[in-house]
N, C-alpha and C. Protein backbone atom coordinates (compact mmCIF):
# COMPACT_ATOMS: atom_id res chain seq x y z
N UNK A 1 -51.79 -1.47 26.01
CA UNK A 1 -51.62 -1.29 24.17
C UNK A 1 -50.70 -0.66 23.79
N UNK A 2 -50.15 -0.23 22.36
CA UNK A 2 -49.84 1.32 22.20
C UNK A 2 -50.51 1.01 20.76
N UNK A 3 -50.83 1.11 19.87
CA UNK A 3 -51.34 0.87 18.27
C UNK A 3 -50.19 2.00 17.57
N UNK A 4 -50.19 1.52 16.73
CA UNK A 4 -48.97 2.23 15.76
C UNK A 4 -49.38 1.72 13.84
N UNK A 5 -49.79 2.39 13.01
CA UNK A 5 -50.22 2.55 11.51
C UNK A 5 -49.26 3.70 11.18
N UNK A 6 -49.13 3.79 9.74
CA UNK A 6 -47.80 3.97 8.42
C UNK A 6 -49.07 4.75 8.44
N UNK A 7 -48.59 6.71 7.64
CA UNK A 7 -49.05 6.75 7.38
C UNK A 7 -48.54 7.44 6.03
N UNK A 8 -48.52 8.87 5.35
CA UNK A 8 -47.83 9.65 4.05
C UNK A 8 -46.63 10.26 5.19
N UNK A 9 -47.12 10.67 6.38
CA UNK A 9 -46.44 11.61 7.26
C UNK A 9 -45.52 11.81 7.91
N UNK A 10 -46.18 10.00 8.64
CA UNK A 10 -45.21 9.46 9.34
C UNK A 10 -45.57 7.93 9.37
N UNK A 11 -44.11 7.09 9.34
CA UNK A 11 -43.64 6.16 9.48
C UNK A 11 -44.20 4.87 9.90
N UNK A 12 -44.46 5.37 11.67
CA UNK A 12 -45.28 4.74 12.80
C UNK A 12 -45.92 5.43 13.42
N UNK A 13 -46.48 6.20 13.08
CA UNK A 13 -47.54 6.74 13.57
C UNK A 13 -48.41 6.45 14.76
N UNK A 14 -47.98 7.22 15.95
CA UNK A 14 -48.45 7.05 16.63
C UNK A 14 -50.56 7.23 17.25
N UNK A 15 -51.29 6.16 16.74
CA UNK A 15 -52.59 6.92 16.95
C UNK A 15 -53.14 7.60 17.98
N UNK A 16 -52.70 7.77 19.40
CA UNK A 16 -54.02 7.39 20.47
C UNK A 16 -53.26 8.35 21.10
N UNK A 17 -53.75 8.58 22.47
CA UNK A 17 -53.66 10.11 22.88
C UNK A 17 -53.47 8.87 24.76
N UNK A 18 -52.16 9.03 25.88
CA UNK A 18 -52.75 8.32 26.66
C UNK A 18 -51.38 9.50 27.94
N UNK A 19 -52.91 9.33 29.19
CA UNK A 19 -52.75 10.23 30.27
C UNK A 19 -51.79 9.33 30.71
N UNK A 20 -51.08 9.70 32.01
CA UNK A 20 -50.57 9.15 33.62
C UNK A 20 -50.96 10.32 34.39
N UNK A 21 -51.31 9.59 35.80
CA UNK A 21 -51.31 10.60 37.28
C UNK A 21 -50.72 10.09 38.47
N UNK A 22 -49.10 11.43 38.38
CA UNK A 22 -48.15 11.04 39.26
C UNK A 22 -49.19 11.09 40.64
N UNK A 23 -49.25 10.63 41.28
CA UNK A 23 -49.43 10.52 42.82
C UNK A 23 -48.29 10.93 43.38
N UNK A 24 -48.12 12.19 44.36
CA UNK A 24 -47.11 12.56 45.55
C UNK A 24 -47.45 12.32 46.10
N UNK A 25 -47.24 11.63 47.65
CA UNK A 25 -47.16 12.00 48.79
C UNK A 25 -46.27 12.44 49.89
N UNK A 26 -46.13 13.32 50.87
CA UNK A 26 -44.82 13.32 51.43
C UNK A 26 -45.33 13.60 53.05
N UNK A 27 -44.86 11.97 53.39
CA UNK A 27 -45.40 12.62 54.92
C UNK A 27 -43.66 13.76 56.01
N UNK A 28 -44.26 14.77 57.02
CA UNK A 28 -43.28 15.32 57.71
C UNK A 28 -43.06 14.56 59.03
N UNK A 29 -42.29 15.95 60.02
CA UNK A 29 -42.17 14.55 60.75
C UNK A 29 -42.90 13.93 62.33
N UNK A 30 -43.58 15.55 62.27
CA UNK A 30 -44.93 15.83 63.31
C UNK A 30 -46.04 15.32 62.27
N UNK A 31 -45.60 14.45 61.48
CA UNK A 31 -47.17 13.21 61.20
C UNK A 31 -48.06 14.68 59.54
N UNK A 32 -47.49 15.09 59.79
CA UNK A 32 -48.74 15.81 58.70
C UNK A 32 -48.29 15.55 57.44
N UNK A 33 -49.83 14.81 56.74
CA UNK A 33 -49.38 14.18 55.16
C UNK A 33 -49.96 15.64 53.93
N UNK A 34 -49.15 15.30 53.47
CA UNK A 34 -49.08 16.62 52.02
C UNK A 34 -49.46 15.70 50.67
N UNK A 35 -50.23 15.84 49.98
CA UNK A 35 -51.01 14.52 48.64
C UNK A 35 -50.17 16.20 47.95
N UNK A 36 -50.58 15.93 46.70
CA UNK A 36 -50.41 16.40 45.40
C UNK A 36 -50.31 15.54 44.27
N UNK A 37 -50.99 16.28 43.36
CA UNK A 37 -51.02 15.25 41.92
C UNK A 37 -50.32 15.41 40.74
N UNK A 38 -50.55 14.86 39.52
CA UNK A 38 -49.68 15.75 37.94
C UNK A 38 -50.43 14.27 37.29
N UNK A 39 -51.20 15.22 36.41
CA UNK A 39 -51.01 14.37 34.93
C UNK A 39 -50.04 15.16 33.77
N UNK A 40 -50.46 13.60 33.63
CA UNK A 40 -49.12 14.39 31.98
C UNK A 40 -49.80 13.70 30.58
N UNK A 41 -49.86 14.09 30.25
CA UNK A 41 -50.22 13.83 29.06
C UNK A 41 -49.45 13.54 27.53
N UNK A 42 -49.50 12.80 26.63
CA UNK A 42 -49.08 12.36 25.35
C UNK A 42 -50.22 11.75 24.23
N UNK A 43 -49.96 13.33 23.72
CA UNK A 43 -51.20 13.86 22.80
C UNK A 43 -51.12 13.55 20.79
N UNK A 44 -51.60 11.94 20.49
CA UNK A 44 -51.33 11.95 19.60
C UNK A 44 -51.43 13.40 18.47
N UNK A 45 -51.05 13.56 17.51
CA UNK A 45 -51.02 15.03 16.90
C UNK A 45 -52.49 15.24 15.85
N UNK A 46 -52.14 16.10 15.36
CA UNK A 46 -52.62 16.46 14.55
C UNK A 46 -52.85 16.50 13.15
N UNK A 47 -53.03 15.80 12.42
CA UNK A 47 -52.94 15.59 10.34
C UNK A 47 -53.97 16.19 9.69
N UNK A 48 -53.01 16.56 8.42
CA UNK A 48 -54.27 17.00 7.66
C UNK A 48 -54.70 15.68 6.33
N UNK A 49 -55.48 14.88 6.68
CA UNK A 49 -56.33 13.63 5.77
C UNK A 49 -55.61 13.65 4.36
N UNK A 50 -55.60 14.54 3.48
CA UNK A 50 -55.30 15.01 2.35
C UNK A 50 -53.44 15.25 2.56
N UNK A 51 -52.90 15.59 3.58
CA UNK A 51 -50.94 15.48 3.63
C UNK A 51 -51.34 13.48 3.83
N UNK A 52 -51.38 12.92 3.88
CA UNK A 52 -51.90 11.99 4.75
C UNK A 52 -51.32 10.42 4.30
N UNK A 53 -52.51 10.82 3.37
CA UNK A 53 -52.83 9.85 1.95
C UNK A 53 -53.65 9.16 3.23
N UNK A 54 -54.64 8.96 4.08
CA UNK A 54 -55.07 8.17 5.24
C UNK A 54 -56.06 7.93 4.61
N UNK A 55 -57.10 6.53 4.26
CA UNK A 55 -58.02 6.47 3.61
C UNK A 55 -59.30 4.92 4.28
N UNK A 56 -60.27 4.88 4.19
CA UNK A 56 -60.21 3.87 5.18
C UNK A 56 -60.13 4.21 7.08
N UNK A 57 -59.89 3.09 7.64
CA UNK A 57 -59.97 3.56 9.19
C UNK A 57 -58.82 4.48 9.47
N UNK A 58 -58.03 3.57 8.92
CA UNK A 58 -56.91 5.16 9.51
C UNK A 58 -57.43 6.96 9.23
N UNK A 59 -58.22 7.23 7.66
CA UNK A 59 -58.54 8.78 7.77
C UNK A 59 -59.56 8.78 8.98
N UNK A 60 -60.40 7.75 9.47
CA UNK A 60 -61.76 8.25 10.66
C UNK A 60 -60.65 8.17 12.18
N UNK A 61 -59.74 7.21 12.27
CA UNK A 61 -59.03 8.22 13.16
C UNK A 61 -58.32 9.16 13.16
N UNK A 62 -58.27 9.19 12.02
CA UNK A 62 -57.24 11.18 12.31
C UNK A 62 -58.08 11.67 12.53
N UNK A 63 -59.68 11.47 11.94
CA UNK A 63 -60.76 12.98 12.05
C UNK A 63 -61.06 12.00 13.82
N UNK A 64 -61.36 11.83 14.00
CA UNK A 64 -61.12 11.00 15.54
C UNK A 64 -60.44 12.31 16.29
N UNK A 65 -59.03 11.78 16.80
CA UNK A 65 -57.58 12.82 16.42
C UNK A 65 -57.61 14.40 16.95
N UNK A 66 -58.02 14.59 15.43
CA UNK A 66 -58.49 15.90 15.33
C UNK A 66 -59.85 16.46 15.97
N UNK A 67 -60.12 15.96 16.01
CA UNK A 67 -61.61 16.47 16.97
C UNK A 67 -61.40 16.68 18.44
N UNK A 68 -60.44 14.84 18.47
CA UNK A 68 -60.60 15.54 20.37
C UNK A 68 -59.64 16.49 21.06
N UNK A 69 -58.95 16.42 19.69
CA UNK A 69 -58.10 17.47 20.11
C UNK A 69 -58.48 19.05 20.36
N UNK A 70 -59.78 18.70 19.59
CA UNK A 70 -60.72 20.96 19.06
C UNK A 70 -61.26 20.75 20.81
N UNK A 71 -61.56 19.55 20.87
CA UNK A 71 -62.14 19.34 22.62
C UNK A 71 -61.56 19.97 23.57
N UNK A 72 -60.36 19.76 23.33
CA UNK A 72 -59.38 19.16 24.36
C UNK A 72 -58.48 21.00 24.68
N UNK A 73 -58.76 21.30 23.27
CA UNK A 73 -58.92 22.29 23.17
C UNK A 73 -59.70 23.74 23.94
N UNK A 74 -60.63 23.83 23.96
CA UNK A 74 -62.25 24.68 24.37
C UNK A 74 -61.98 23.91 25.52
N UNK A 75 -61.59 22.42 26.54
CA UNK A 75 -61.80 22.74 27.39
C UNK A 75 -60.50 23.60 28.22
N UNK A 76 -59.06 23.77 27.13
CA UNK A 76 -57.83 24.36 28.39
C UNK A 76 -58.84 25.85 27.78
N UNK A 77 -59.44 26.03 26.97
CA UNK A 77 -59.78 27.64 26.81
C UNK A 77 -60.51 27.94 28.08
N UNK A 78 -61.96 27.05 28.46
CA UNK A 78 -62.84 27.52 29.14
C UNK A 78 -62.30 27.35 31.12
N UNK A 79 -61.47 26.44 30.76
CA UNK A 79 -60.80 26.46 32.31
C UNK A 79 -60.00 27.50 32.53
N UNK A 80 -58.76 28.15 31.50
CA UNK A 80 -57.58 29.41 31.92
C UNK A 80 -58.65 30.29 32.04
N UNK A 81 -60.11 30.58 31.39
CA UNK A 81 -60.75 31.71 32.11
C UNK A 81 -61.41 31.47 32.67
N UNK A 82 -61.12 30.83 33.86
CA UNK A 82 -62.02 30.63 35.28
C UNK A 82 -63.48 30.32 35.13
N UNK A 83 -63.54 29.20 33.58
CA UNK A 83 -65.50 29.34 33.30
C UNK A 83 -66.17 28.64 34.81
N UNK A 84 -65.34 27.54 35.16
CA UNK A 84 -66.00 26.98 35.95
C UNK A 84 -65.96 27.74 38.02
N UNK A 85 -65.45 28.95 38.11
CA UNK A 85 -65.55 29.06 38.96
C UNK A 85 -66.28 30.64 38.71
N UNK A 86 -67.20 30.34 37.30
CA UNK A 86 -68.15 31.29 37.27
C UNK A 86 -69.35 30.88 36.52
N UNK A 87 -69.69 29.66 36.42
CA UNK A 87 -70.40 28.33 37.00
C UNK A 87 -71.21 28.12 35.43
N UNK A 88 -69.61 28.54 34.49
CA UNK A 88 -70.13 28.21 33.52
C UNK A 88 -69.51 26.64 32.75
N UNK A 89 -70.83 26.12 32.07
CA UNK A 89 -69.78 25.12 31.84
C UNK A 89 -68.72 25.16 30.75
N UNK A 90 -68.63 23.57 32.00
CA UNK A 90 -66.82 22.92 31.00
C UNK A 90 -66.65 21.83 29.79
N UNK A 91 -66.88 21.60 28.58
CA UNK A 91 -67.16 20.26 28.26
C UNK A 91 -66.42 19.23 27.83
N UNK A 92 -66.36 18.73 30.06
CA UNK A 92 -65.73 17.54 29.78
C UNK A 92 -66.46 16.82 31.00
């Protein structure tokens, strides 16, 4: 289900993130199997509450979106620095 809502910045803003995992399987003539997967993400955009004119539920949604994007940035930063190999906690 996809929900949309209007703000001053976008008349049909999607208020959600979505993640799709594409799984690939390759079978070789000798019977060997190779499996791989790719994660595709569509993230809701970060918006400034003042510019959107959002109030009530729309404002809380925007705040939650901004918060989740901030946490995602922390996760990507930790993973790109090799934190999981160093035994450092990655917040996800």
